[in-house]
């Protein structure tokens, strides 16, 4: 179902509600047709499934003509192409992947539309309370879990790290791993180490 169809369905729901009242009497229709809407969220355990499941529960209870069905996906980077292919009706997408999709960064610009903002979602670097690391730069050369590959957090962290002169490396091996960071090469500063390749490893590092 296209997004335009969802908008039309909402208009029909409002018209039906107005016509269901006659002389102050409410007409009860026991056979209410439902409009099924697929809602793409993200991998289980993250914030998007929690938000999407509760959103669907509240909306389904508030409007008996709707049946919103949450679907776990790989996250924002998968939700965008699924929407474009018509596999999903609505999806939750983080701001950074949305920005790149609308601006055509690394891909053709999308023709999707934003229905509404959900909530602000700051990314945080978290370590154990007894960790010796006190700043983000202390993590250079250490394995860091930036989030699921298809989610928005790795993109958010990449933009943030670029701003402070660090780079987020991709896994050096085909298997699962943790990204490592590295210092970003500066075009006019030969004192900074130049980009180097990581040797095959099960982890990634900020270097």
N, C-alpha and C. Protein backbone atom coordinates (compact mmCIF):
# COMPACT_ATOMS: atom_id res chain seq x y z
N UNK A 1 0.85 -1.19 0.00
CA UNK A 1 0.00 0.00 0.00
C UNK A 1 0.88 1.24 0.00
N UNK A 2 0.61 2.18 -0.89
CA UNK A 2 1.38 3.41 -0.96
C UNK A 2 0.96 4.36 0.14
N UNK A 3 1.84 5.31 0.49
CA UNK A 3 1.53 6.28 1.53
C UNK A 3 0.30 7.08 1.18
N UNK A 4 0.13 7.38 -0.12
CA UNK A 4 -1.05 8.14 -0.55
C UNK A 4 -2.33 7.39 -0.22
N UNK A 5 -2.28 6.07 -0.32
CA UNK A 5 -3.45 5.27 0.01
C UNK A 5 -3.79 5.39 1.48
N UNK A 6 -2.75 5.47 2.33
CA UNK A 6 -2.98 5.57 3.77
C UNK A 6 -3.67 6.88 4.09
N UNK A 7 -3.24 7.97 3.45
CA UNK A 7 -3.86 9.27 3.67
C UNK A 7 -5.33 9.23 3.28
N UNK A 8 -5.62 8.62 2.14
CA UNK A 8 -7.01 8.50 1.69
C UNK A 8 -7.83 7.68 2.68
N UNK A 9 -7.23 6.60 3.20
CA UNK A 9 -7.95 5.76 4.15
C UNK A 9 -8.28 6.55 5.40
N UNK A 10 -7.38 7.42 5.85
CA UNK A 10 -7.65 8.25 7.02
C UNK A 10 -8.82 9.18 6.77
N UNK A 11 -8.90 9.75 5.58
CA UNK A 11 -10.02 10.64 5.25
C UNK A 11 -11.33 9.87 5.25
N UNK A 12 -11.31 8.66 4.76
CA UNK A 12 -12.53 7.86 4.73
C UNK A 12 -12.97 7.49 6.14
N UNK A 13 -12.05 7.25 7.04
CA UNK A 13 -12.38 6.94 8.42
C UNK A 13 -13.10 8.13 9.05
N UNK A 14 -12.61 9.35 8.83
CA UNK A 14 -13.24 10.54 9.40
C UNK A 14 -14.65 10.72 8.84
N UNK A 15 -14.82 10.53 7.54
CA UNK A 15 -16.14 10.68 6.92
C UNK A 15 -17.11 9.64 7.46
N UNK A 16 -16.65 8.43 7.65
CA UNK A 16 -17.50 7.37 8.17
C UNK A 16 -17.94 7.65 9.58
N UNK A 17 -17.04 8.24 10.40
CA UNK A 17 -17.40 8.55 11.78
C UNK A 17 -18.47 9.61 11.84
N UNK A 18 -18.38 10.61 10.95
CA UNK A 18 -19.39 11.68 10.94
C UNK A 18 -20.74 11.15 10.50
N UNK A 19 -20.76 10.22 9.58
CA UNK A 19 -22.02 9.69 9.05
C UNK A 19 -22.65 8.67 10.00
N UNK A 20 -21.89 8.25 11.02
CA UNK A 20 -22.40 7.22 11.91
C UNK A 20 -23.25 7.79 13.02
N UNK A 21 -23.46 9.10 13.02
CA UNK A 21 -24.30 9.71 14.05
C UNK A 21 -25.53 10.33 13.39
N UNK A 22 -26.70 10.06 13.93
CA UNK A 22 -27.95 10.57 13.37
C UNK A 22 -28.87 10.95 14.51
N UNK A 23 -29.11 12.25 14.66
CA UNK A 23 -30.02 12.71 15.71
C UNK A 23 -29.51 12.39 17.09
N UNK A 24 -28.21 12.44 17.28
CA UNK A 24 -27.64 12.19 18.60
C UNK A 24 -27.53 10.71 18.92
N UNK A 25 -27.91 9.85 17.96
CA UNK A 25 -27.83 8.42 18.19
C UNK A 25 -26.64 7.85 17.43
N UNK A 26 -25.86 7.06 18.09
CA UNK A 26 -24.69 6.45 17.46
C UNK A 26 -25.07 5.11 16.85
N UNK A 27 -24.76 4.96 15.58
CA UNK A 27 -25.05 3.73 14.86
C UNK A 27 -23.86 2.79 15.01
N UNK A 28 -24.07 1.63 15.57
CA UNK A 28 -22.99 0.67 15.80
C UNK A 28 -22.93 -0.33 14.64
N UNK A 29 -21.76 -0.43 14.06
CA UNK A 29 -21.55 -1.38 12.97
C UNK A 29 -20.61 -2.47 13.46
N UNK A 30 -21.14 -3.67 13.61
CA UNK A 30 -20.34 -4.76 14.17
C UNK A 30 -19.31 -5.29 13.19
N UNK A 31 -19.52 -5.08 11.90
CA UNK A 31 -18.59 -5.58 10.89
C UNK A 31 -17.79 -4.40 10.31
N UNK A 32 -16.84 -3.93 11.08
CA UNK A 32 -16.04 -2.79 10.66
C UNK A 32 -14.85 -3.27 9.82
N UNK A 33 -14.78 -2.84 8.56
CA UNK A 33 -13.63 -3.25 7.74
C UNK A 33 -12.35 -2.61 8.26
N UNK A 34 -11.28 -3.34 8.24
CA UNK A 34 -10.00 -2.86 8.75
C UNK A 34 -9.03 -2.57 7.61
N UNK A 35 -8.25 -1.53 7.80
CA UNK A 35 -7.16 -1.20 6.88
C UNK A 35 -5.86 -1.66 7.52
N UNK A 36 -5.20 -2.62 6.91
CA UNK A 36 -3.95 -3.16 7.46
C UNK A 36 -2.77 -2.33 6.97
N UNK A 37 -1.93 -1.91 7.90
CA UNK A 37 -0.77 -1.09 7.59
C UNK A 37 0.47 -1.76 8.20
N UNK A 38 1.46 -2.02 7.35
CA UNK A 38 2.71 -2.61 7.85
C UNK A 38 3.65 -1.49 8.29
N UNK A 39 4.21 -1.64 9.49
CA UNK A 39 5.09 -0.64 10.08
C UNK A 39 6.47 -1.24 10.30
N UNK A 40 7.46 -0.78 9.56
CA UNK A 40 8.83 -1.27 9.72
C UNK A 40 9.50 -0.61 10.90
N UNK A 41 10.13 -1.40 11.76
CA UNK A 41 10.82 -0.85 12.93
C UNK A 41 12.33 -1.09 12.80
N UNK A 42 12.88 -2.03 13.55
CA UNK A 42 14.32 -2.31 13.49
C UNK A 42 14.57 -3.66 14.15
N UNK A 43 15.82 -3.93 14.52
CA UNK A 43 16.16 -5.21 15.12
C UNK A 43 15.60 -5.30 16.54
N UNK A 44 15.20 -6.48 16.98
CA UNK A 44 14.65 -6.64 18.33
C UNK A 44 15.64 -6.17 19.39
N UNK A 45 15.11 -5.53 20.43
CA UNK A 45 15.95 -5.06 21.51
C UNK A 45 16.29 -3.58 21.44
N UNK A 46 16.05 -2.96 20.28
CA UNK A 46 16.35 -1.55 20.11
C UNK A 46 15.16 -0.66 20.43
N UNK A 47 15.36 0.65 20.27
CA UNK A 47 14.32 1.62 20.59
C UNK A 47 13.17 1.64 19.60
N UNK A 48 13.48 1.41 18.31
CA UNK A 48 12.43 1.46 17.29
C UNK A 48 11.37 0.38 17.49
N UNK A 49 11.73 -0.89 17.75
CA UNK A 49 10.68 -1.89 18.00
C UNK A 49 9.84 -1.55 19.23
N UNK A 50 10.49 -1.03 20.28
CA UNK A 50 9.75 -0.65 21.49
C UNK A 50 8.75 0.45 21.17
N UNK A 51 9.21 1.46 20.45
CA UNK A 51 8.33 2.57 20.07
C UNK A 51 7.24 2.09 19.13
N UNK A 52 7.63 1.34 18.09
CA UNK A 52 6.67 0.89 17.08
C UNK A 52 5.60 -0.03 17.64
N UNK A 53 5.98 -0.94 18.52
CA UNK A 53 5.01 -1.86 19.10
C UNK A 53 3.98 -1.12 19.96
N UNK A 54 4.46 -0.17 20.76
CA UNK A 54 3.54 0.60 21.60
C UNK A 54 2.67 1.54 20.76
N UNK A 55 3.27 2.12 19.73
CA UNK A 55 2.52 3.00 18.83
C UNK A 55 1.38 2.22 18.17
N UNK A 56 1.70 1.03 17.66
CA UNK A 56 0.69 0.21 17.00
C UNK A 56 -0.41 -0.19 17.97
N UNK A 57 -0.03 -0.55 19.19
CA UNK A 57 -1.01 -0.97 20.18
C UNK A 57 -1.99 0.16 20.50
N UNK A 58 -1.46 1.37 20.70
CA UNK A 58 -2.30 2.51 21.03
C UNK A 58 -3.21 2.89 19.87
N UNK A 59 -2.65 2.94 18.66
CA UNK A 59 -3.43 3.33 17.49
C UNK A 59 -4.51 2.30 17.15
N UNK A 60 -4.19 1.02 17.28
CA UNK A 60 -5.17 -0.02 17.00
C UNK A 60 -6.33 0.03 18.00
N UNK A 61 -6.00 0.38 19.25
CA UNK A 61 -7.05 0.48 20.27
C UNK A 61 -7.91 1.73 20.06
N UNK A 62 -7.28 2.79 19.56
CA UNK A 62 -8.01 4.05 19.37
C UNK A 62 -8.88 4.05 18.13
N UNK A 63 -8.47 3.30 17.11
CA UNK A 63 -9.21 3.31 15.84
C UNK A 63 -9.46 1.87 15.40
N UNK A 64 -10.67 1.36 15.57
CA UNK A 64 -10.97 -0.04 15.22
C UNK A 64 -10.89 -0.33 13.73
N UNK A 65 -10.80 0.72 12.91
CA UNK A 65 -10.70 0.47 11.47
C UNK A 65 -9.26 0.27 11.02
N UNK A 66 -8.30 0.44 11.94
CA UNK A 66 -6.90 0.28 11.60
C UNK A 66 -6.34 -0.99 12.21
N UNK A 67 -5.43 -1.61 11.48
CA UNK A 67 -4.67 -2.74 12.00
C UNK A 67 -3.20 -2.51 11.62
N UNK A 68 -2.49 -1.83 12.50
CA UNK A 68 -1.07 -1.54 12.26
C UNK A 68 -0.26 -2.72 12.75
N UNK A 69 0.54 -3.29 11.85
CA UNK A 69 1.32 -4.49 12.16
C UNK A 69 2.81 -4.18 12.12
N UNK A 70 3.46 -4.08 13.30
CA UNK A 70 4.90 -3.82 13.33
C UNK A 70 5.69 -4.98 12.74
N UNK A 71 6.77 -4.65 12.04
CA UNK A 71 7.66 -5.66 11.46
C UNK A 71 9.09 -5.33 11.83
N UNK A 72 9.80 -6.31 12.40
CA UNK A 72 11.22 -6.12 12.67
C UNK A 72 12.01 -6.12 11.36
N UNK A 73 12.92 -5.17 11.24
CA UNK A 73 13.80 -5.09 10.07
C UNK A 73 15.23 -4.90 10.57
N UNK A 74 16.13 -4.64 9.65
CA UNK A 74 17.52 -4.37 10.03
C UNK A 74 17.73 -2.91 10.42
N UNK A 75 16.68 -2.10 10.36
CA UNK A 75 16.80 -0.72 10.78
C UNK A 75 16.59 0.27 9.65
N UNK A 76 17.02 1.50 9.90
CA UNK A 76 16.75 2.62 8.99
C UNK A 76 17.23 2.36 7.57
N UNK A 77 18.45 1.84 7.43
CA UNK A 77 19.02 1.66 6.09
C UNK A 77 18.30 0.59 5.29
N UNK A 78 17.58 -0.29 5.94
CA UNK A 78 16.75 -1.27 5.22
C UNK A 78 15.34 -0.74 5.04
N UNK A 79 14.86 0.03 6.00
CA UNK A 79 13.49 0.54 5.92
C UNK A 79 13.28 1.44 4.71
N UNK A 80 14.28 2.25 4.39
CA UNK A 80 14.14 3.18 3.26
C UNK A 80 13.92 2.43 1.95
N UNK A 81 14.77 1.48 1.56
CA UNK A 81 14.51 0.75 0.32
C UNK A 81 13.25 -0.11 0.36
N UNK A 82 12.88 -0.61 1.54
CA UNK A 82 11.64 -1.38 1.65
C UNK A 82 10.43 -0.49 1.39
N UNK A 83 10.49 0.76 1.87
CA UNK A 83 9.42 1.71 1.58
C UNK A 83 9.36 2.02 0.09
N UNK A 84 10.52 2.23 -0.51
CA UNK A 84 10.58 2.57 -1.93
C UNK A 84 10.06 1.43 -2.79
N UNK A 85 10.27 0.21 -2.34
CA UNK A 85 9.80 -0.96 -3.10
C UNK A 85 8.33 -1.27 -2.84
N UNK A 86 7.73 -0.58 -1.86
CA UNK A 86 6.33 -0.85 -1.54
C UNK A 86 6.13 -2.04 -0.64
N UNK A 87 7.23 -2.57 -0.07
CA UNK A 87 7.13 -3.71 0.83
C UNK A 87 6.59 -3.31 2.18
N UNK A 88 6.87 -2.07 2.59
CA UNK A 88 6.34 -1.51 3.83
C UNK A 88 5.42 -0.34 3.51
N UNK A 89 4.44 -0.10 4.37
CA UNK A 89 3.56 1.06 4.21
C UNK A 89 4.13 2.28 4.92
N UNK A 90 4.60 2.09 6.15
CA UNK A 90 5.21 3.13 6.96
C UNK A 90 6.44 2.52 7.63
N UNK A 91 7.42 3.35 7.94
CA UNK A 91 8.60 2.84 8.62
C UNK A 91 9.19 3.92 9.52
N UNK A 92 9.90 3.49 10.55
CA UNK A 92 10.62 4.39 11.43
C UNK A 92 12.05 4.53 10.90
N UNK A 93 12.49 5.75 10.71
CA UNK A 93 13.80 6.00 10.12
C UNK A 93 14.52 7.09 10.90
N UNK A 94 15.78 6.88 11.20
CA UNK A 94 16.56 7.88 11.93
C UNK A 94 16.89 9.07 11.03
N UNK A 95 17.25 10.18 11.65
CA UNK A 95 17.47 11.42 10.91
C UNK A 95 18.63 11.36 9.93
N UNK A 96 19.74 10.74 10.31
CA UNK A 96 20.92 10.73 9.45
C UNK A 96 20.71 9.92 8.17
N UNK A 97 20.18 8.69 8.25
CA UNK A 97 19.87 7.96 7.02
C UNK A 97 18.85 8.68 6.16
N UNK A 98 17.87 9.34 6.81
CA UNK A 98 16.87 10.10 6.05
C UNK A 98 17.53 11.23 5.28
N UNK A 99 18.41 11.95 5.95
CA UNK A 99 19.11 13.07 5.32
C UNK A 99 19.88 12.60 4.08
N UNK A 100 20.62 11.51 4.23
CA UNK A 100 21.41 11.01 3.09
C UNK A 100 20.50 10.54 1.96
N UNK A 101 19.35 9.95 2.31
CA UNK A 101 18.43 9.48 1.27
C UNK A 101 17.80 10.65 0.52
N UNK A 102 17.37 11.68 1.24
CA UNK A 102 16.74 12.83 0.59
C UNK A 102 17.73 13.67 -0.20
N UNK A 103 18.98 13.72 0.27
CA UNK A 103 20.00 14.51 -0.41
C UNK A 103 20.69 13.72 -1.52
N UNK A 104 20.42 12.43 -1.62
CA UNK A 104 21.05 11.62 -2.64
C UNK A 104 22.52 11.36 -2.38
N UNK A 105 22.90 11.21 -1.12
CA UNK A 105 24.29 10.94 -0.76
C UNK A 105 24.55 9.45 -0.84
N UNK A 106 25.39 9.04 -1.79
CA UNK A 106 25.71 7.63 -1.95
C UNK A 106 24.62 6.81 -2.61
N UNK A 107 23.59 7.47 -3.10
CA UNK A 107 22.45 6.79 -3.72
C UNK A 107 21.59 7.84 -4.40
N UNK A 108 20.68 7.42 -5.30
CA UNK A 108 19.75 8.39 -5.90
C UNK A 108 18.84 8.98 -4.83
N UNK A 109 18.49 10.24 -4.99
CA UNK A 109 17.61 10.90 -4.02
C UNK A 109 16.25 10.20 -3.98
N UNK A 110 15.75 9.98 -2.78
CA UNK A 110 14.47 9.28 -2.62
C UNK A 110 13.30 10.24 -2.82
N UNK A 111 12.15 9.68 -3.15
CA UNK A 111 10.92 10.46 -3.30
C UNK A 111 9.94 10.17 -2.17
N UNK A 112 10.46 9.62 -1.07
CA UNK A 112 9.61 9.35 0.08
C UNK A 112 9.22 10.66 0.77
N UNK A 113 8.24 10.60 1.66
CA UNK A 113 7.80 11.78 2.41
C UNK A 113 7.85 11.49 3.91
N UNK A 114 8.15 12.53 4.67
CA UNK A 114 8.14 12.42 6.13
C UNK A 114 6.74 12.75 6.63
N UNK A 115 6.15 11.84 7.40
CA UNK A 115 4.82 12.10 7.97
C UNK A 115 4.92 12.94 9.23
N UNK A 116 5.82 12.59 10.13
CA UNK A 116 5.97 13.33 11.37
C UNK A 116 7.27 12.95 12.05
N UNK A 117 7.77 13.83 12.91
CA UNK A 117 8.94 13.50 13.72
C UNK A 117 8.49 12.70 14.94
N UNK A 118 9.34 11.80 15.40
CA UNK A 118 9.01 10.95 16.54
C UNK A 118 9.53 11.54 17.84
N UNK A 119 10.85 11.53 17.99
CA UNK A 119 11.49 12.04 19.21
C UNK A 119 12.95 12.31 18.89
N UNK A 120 13.56 13.19 19.66
CA UNK A 120 14.99 13.43 19.49
C UNK A 120 15.75 12.23 20.05
N UNK A 121 16.81 11.84 19.38
CA UNK A 121 17.51 10.61 19.76
C UNK A 121 19.02 10.86 19.78
N UNK A 122 19.55 11.39 20.89
CA UNK A 122 20.99 11.61 20.96
C UNK A 122 21.74 10.29 21.09
N UNK A 123 22.86 10.19 20.41
CA UNK A 123 23.71 9.01 20.55
C UNK A 123 24.69 9.23 21.69
N UNK A 124 25.00 8.19 22.44
CA UNK A 124 25.90 8.32 23.58
C UNK A 124 26.98 7.26 23.53
N UNK A 125 28.18 7.63 23.90
CA UNK A 125 29.28 6.68 24.05
C UNK A 125 29.29 6.22 25.50
N UNK A 126 29.11 4.93 25.72
CA UNK A 126 28.96 4.39 27.06
C UNK A 126 30.07 3.38 27.34
N UNK A 127 30.71 3.52 28.50
CA UNK A 127 31.71 2.55 28.96
C UNK A 127 31.36 2.14 30.39
N UNK A 128 32.04 1.14 30.89
CA UNK A 128 31.82 0.70 32.27
C UNK A 128 32.25 1.80 33.24
N UNK A 129 31.64 1.80 34.42
CA UNK A 129 31.96 2.82 35.42
C UNK A 129 33.42 2.74 35.85
N UNK A 130 34.02 1.54 35.82
CA UNK A 130 35.42 1.38 36.23
C UNK A 130 36.39 1.44 35.05
N UNK A 131 35.89 1.88 33.88
CA UNK A 131 36.73 1.97 32.69
C UNK A 131 37.76 3.09 32.83
N UNK A 132 38.97 2.90 32.28
CA UNK A 132 39.98 3.97 32.32
C UNK A 132 39.72 5.05 31.28
N UNK A 133 38.78 4.81 30.36
CA UNK A 133 38.52 5.77 29.29
C UNK A 133 37.66 6.93 29.80
N UNK A 134 38.15 8.14 29.59
CA UNK A 134 37.46 9.33 30.07
C UNK A 134 36.94 10.21 28.93
N UNK A 135 37.54 10.11 27.76
CA UNK A 135 37.13 10.92 26.61
C UNK A 135 36.97 10.02 25.39
N UNK A 136 36.35 10.56 24.36
CA UNK A 136 36.16 9.79 23.13
C UNK A 136 37.51 9.45 22.51
N UNK A 137 38.45 10.38 22.58
CA UNK A 137 39.77 10.12 21.99
C UNK A 137 40.53 9.02 22.72
N UNK A 138 40.18 8.75 23.96
CA UNK A 138 40.80 7.64 24.68
C UNK A 138 40.46 6.30 24.05
N UNK A 139 39.41 6.27 23.24
CA UNK A 139 38.96 5.02 22.63
C UNK A 139 39.65 4.72 21.31
N UNK A 140 40.54 5.60 20.87
CA UNK A 140 41.27 5.36 19.63
C UNK A 140 42.04 4.05 19.74
N UNK A 141 41.86 3.16 18.75
CA UNK A 141 42.51 1.86 18.76
C UNK A 141 41.75 0.78 19.49
N UNK A 142 40.61 1.13 20.09
CA UNK A 142 39.84 0.16 20.86
C UNK A 142 38.62 -0.31 20.08
N UNK A 143 38.17 -1.55 20.31
CA UNK A 143 36.94 -2.03 19.65
C UNK A 143 35.72 -1.33 20.23
N UNK A 144 34.85 -0.86 19.35
CA UNK A 144 33.65 -0.12 19.76
C UNK A 144 32.44 -0.67 19.02
N UNK A 145 31.36 -0.92 19.72
CA UNK A 145 30.11 -1.36 19.09
C UNK A 145 29.27 -0.13 18.77
N UNK A 146 29.20 0.22 17.49
CA UNK A 146 28.45 1.41 17.08
C UNK A 146 26.97 1.12 16.88
N UNK A 147 26.59 -0.13 16.78
CA UNK A 147 25.20 -0.47 16.55
C UNK A 147 25.06 -1.39 15.36
N UNK A 148 23.85 -1.89 15.14
CA UNK A 148 23.59 -2.78 14.01
C UNK A 148 23.91 -2.08 12.70
N UNK A 149 24.44 -2.80 11.75
CA UNK A 149 24.90 -2.20 10.50
C UNK A 149 23.79 -1.47 9.76
N UNK A 150 22.58 -1.95 9.85
CA UNK A 150 21.48 -1.31 9.13
C UNK A 150 20.81 -0.18 9.88
N UNK A 151 21.27 0.10 11.10
CA UNK A 151 20.61 1.12 11.91
C UNK A 151 21.22 2.50 11.67
N UNK A 152 20.63 3.51 12.29
CA UNK A 152 21.09 4.87 12.09
C UNK A 152 22.27 5.27 12.95
N UNK A 153 22.52 4.56 14.07
CA UNK A 153 23.59 4.96 14.98
C UNK A 153 24.98 4.95 14.33
N UNK A 154 25.33 3.94 13.51
CA UNK A 154 26.65 4.00 12.86
C UNK A 154 26.82 5.23 11.98
N UNK A 155 25.74 5.67 11.33
CA UNK A 155 25.82 6.87 10.50
C UNK A 155 25.96 8.11 11.37
N UNK A 156 25.19 8.17 12.45
CA UNK A 156 25.29 9.29 13.38
C UNK A 156 26.70 9.40 13.95
N UNK A 157 27.27 8.26 14.37
CA UNK A 157 28.61 8.29 14.95
C UNK A 157 29.65 8.68 13.90
N UNK A 158 29.44 8.28 12.64
CA UNK A 158 30.40 8.64 11.59
C UNK A 158 30.45 10.15 11.40
N UNK A 159 29.28 10.79 11.36
CA UNK A 159 29.26 12.25 11.22
C UNK A 159 29.92 12.92 12.42
N UNK A 160 29.64 12.42 13.61
CA UNK A 160 30.20 13.01 14.82
C UNK A 160 31.71 12.87 14.86
N UNK A 161 32.19 11.67 14.51
CA UNK A 161 33.63 11.42 14.53
C UNK A 161 34.36 12.26 13.48
N UNK A 162 33.74 12.42 12.33
CA UNK A 162 34.34 13.28 11.30
C UNK A 162 34.56 14.69 11.85
N UNK A 163 33.62 15.15 12.68
CA UNK A 163 33.71 16.50 13.21
C UNK A 163 34.84 16.70 14.18
N UNK A 164 35.33 15.63 14.81
CA UNK A 164 36.43 15.77 15.76
C UNK A 164 37.72 15.12 15.24
N UNK A 165 37.75 14.86 13.93
CA UNK A 165 38.98 14.38 13.32
C UNK A 165 39.27 12.90 13.49
N UNK A 166 38.23 12.10 13.72
CA UNK A 166 38.40 10.65 13.83
C UNK A 166 37.59 9.96 12.75
N UNK A 167 37.97 8.72 12.46
CA UNK A 167 37.28 7.97 11.43
C UNK A 167 36.83 6.62 11.98
N UNK A 168 35.70 6.19 11.48
CA UNK A 168 35.12 4.91 11.89
C UNK A 168 35.45 3.88 10.83
N UNK A 169 36.24 2.88 11.19
CA UNK A 169 36.63 1.85 10.23
C UNK A 169 35.56 0.79 10.08
N UNK A 170 35.52 0.20 8.90
CA UNK A 170 34.63 -0.93 8.65
C UNK A 170 35.33 -2.22 9.10
N UNK A 171 34.58 -3.30 9.32
CA UNK A 171 35.22 -4.56 9.69
C UNK A 171 36.21 -5.01 8.63
N UNK A 172 37.37 -5.45 9.07
CA UNK A 172 38.39 -5.89 8.13
C UNK A 172 38.12 -7.30 7.63
N UNK A 173 37.29 -8.04 8.34
CA UNK A 173 36.97 -9.40 7.92
C UNK A 173 35.51 -9.49 7.54
N UNK A 174 35.16 -10.58 6.86
CA UNK A 174 33.78 -10.75 6.42
C UNK A 174 32.85 -11.10 7.57
N UNK A 175 33.44 -11.60 8.65
CA UNK A 175 32.63 -12.01 9.78
C UNK A 175 32.19 -10.84 10.64
N UNK A 176 31.35 -11.10 11.64
CA UNK A 176 30.90 -10.02 12.52
C UNK A 176 32.05 -9.47 13.34
N UNK A 177 32.00 -8.19 13.64
CA UNK A 177 33.08 -7.60 14.42
C UNK A 177 32.68 -6.25 14.97
N UNK A 178 33.54 -5.68 15.77
CA UNK A 178 33.31 -4.37 16.34
C UNK A 178 34.18 -3.36 15.62
N UNK A 179 33.61 -2.21 15.22
CA UNK A 179 34.41 -1.20 14.54
C UNK A 179 35.49 -0.64 15.44
N UNK A 180 36.62 -0.32 14.85
CA UNK A 180 37.68 0.37 15.56
C UNK A 180 37.83 1.75 14.94
N UNK A 181 38.28 2.69 15.71
CA UNK A 181 38.42 4.04 15.20
C UNK A 181 39.85 4.31 14.81
N UNK A 182 40.02 5.27 13.93
CA UNK A 182 41.35 5.71 13.56
C UNK A 182 41.35 7.21 13.41
N UNK A 183 42.52 7.81 13.51
CA UNK A 183 42.64 9.24 13.33
C UNK A 183 42.43 9.59 11.87
N UNK A 184 41.75 10.68 11.61
CA UNK A 184 41.49 11.10 10.24
C UNK A 184 42.72 11.78 9.66
N UNK A 185 43.12 11.45 8.41
CA UNK A 185 44.25 12.14 7.78
C UNK A 185 43.87 13.57 7.45
N UNK A 186 44.77 14.49 7.73
CA UNK A 186 44.53 15.90 7.41
C UNK A 186 45.28 16.26 6.14
N UNK A 187 44.62 16.98 5.23
CA UNK A 187 45.19 17.29 3.93
C UNK A 187 46.45 18.14 4.05
N UNK A 188 46.51 19.04 5.05
CA UNK A 188 47.63 19.96 5.16
C UNK A 188 48.41 19.79 6.46
N UNK A 189 48.27 18.64 7.08
CA UNK A 189 48.96 18.41 8.34
C UNK A 189 49.65 17.06 8.28
N UNK A 190 50.93 17.06 7.93
CA UNK A 190 51.65 15.81 7.76
C UNK A 190 51.97 15.15 9.10
N UNK A 191 51.72 15.85 10.21
CA UNK A 191 52.01 15.27 11.51
C UNK A 191 50.98 14.21 11.91
N UNK A 192 49.81 14.27 11.26
CA UNK A 192 48.79 13.26 11.56
C UNK A 192 49.07 11.99 10.77
N UNK A 193 48.85 10.84 11.38
CA UNK A 193 49.09 9.58 10.65
C UNK A 193 48.12 9.43 9.49
N UNK A 194 48.62 8.95 8.39
CA UNK A 194 47.78 8.73 7.22
C UNK A 194 46.96 7.46 7.40
N UNK A 195 45.97 7.36 6.56
CA UNK A 195 45.06 6.22 6.65
C UNK A 195 45.80 4.91 6.40
N UNK A 196 45.55 3.95 7.24
CA UNK A 196 46.17 2.63 7.06
C UNK A 196 45.10 1.56 7.08
N UNK A 197 45.38 0.46 6.42
CA UNK A 197 44.42 -0.64 6.37
C UNK A 197 44.54 -1.49 7.63
N UNK A 198 43.42 -1.98 8.07
CA UNK A 198 43.43 -2.89 9.20
C UNK A 198 43.76 -4.29 8.71
N UNK A 199 44.50 -5.00 9.48
CA UNK A 199 44.73 -6.40 9.13
C UNK A 199 43.46 -7.19 9.43
N UNK A 200 43.34 -8.35 8.79
CA UNK A 200 42.13 -9.16 8.96
C UNK A 200 41.94 -9.45 10.45
N UNK A 201 40.77 -9.16 10.94
CA UNK A 201 40.49 -9.31 12.36
C UNK A 201 39.00 -9.52 12.54
N UNK A 202 38.64 -10.05 13.68
CA UNK A 202 37.24 -10.25 14.00
C UNK A 202 36.62 -8.98 14.56
N UNK A 203 37.44 -7.92 14.69
CA UNK A 203 36.95 -6.68 15.27
C UNK A 203 37.32 -5.50 14.38
N UNK A 204 36.72 -4.37 14.66
CA UNK A 204 37.08 -3.11 14.04
C UNK A 204 37.60 -2.20 15.13
N UNK A 205 38.39 -1.21 14.76
CA UNK A 205 38.99 -0.37 15.78
C UNK A 205 38.98 1.09 15.37
N UNK A 206 38.87 1.95 16.36
CA UNK A 206 39.13 3.37 16.15
C UNK A 206 40.64 3.53 16.29
N UNK A 207 41.33 3.89 15.20
CA UNK A 207 42.79 3.92 15.23
C UNK A 207 43.33 5.31 14.96
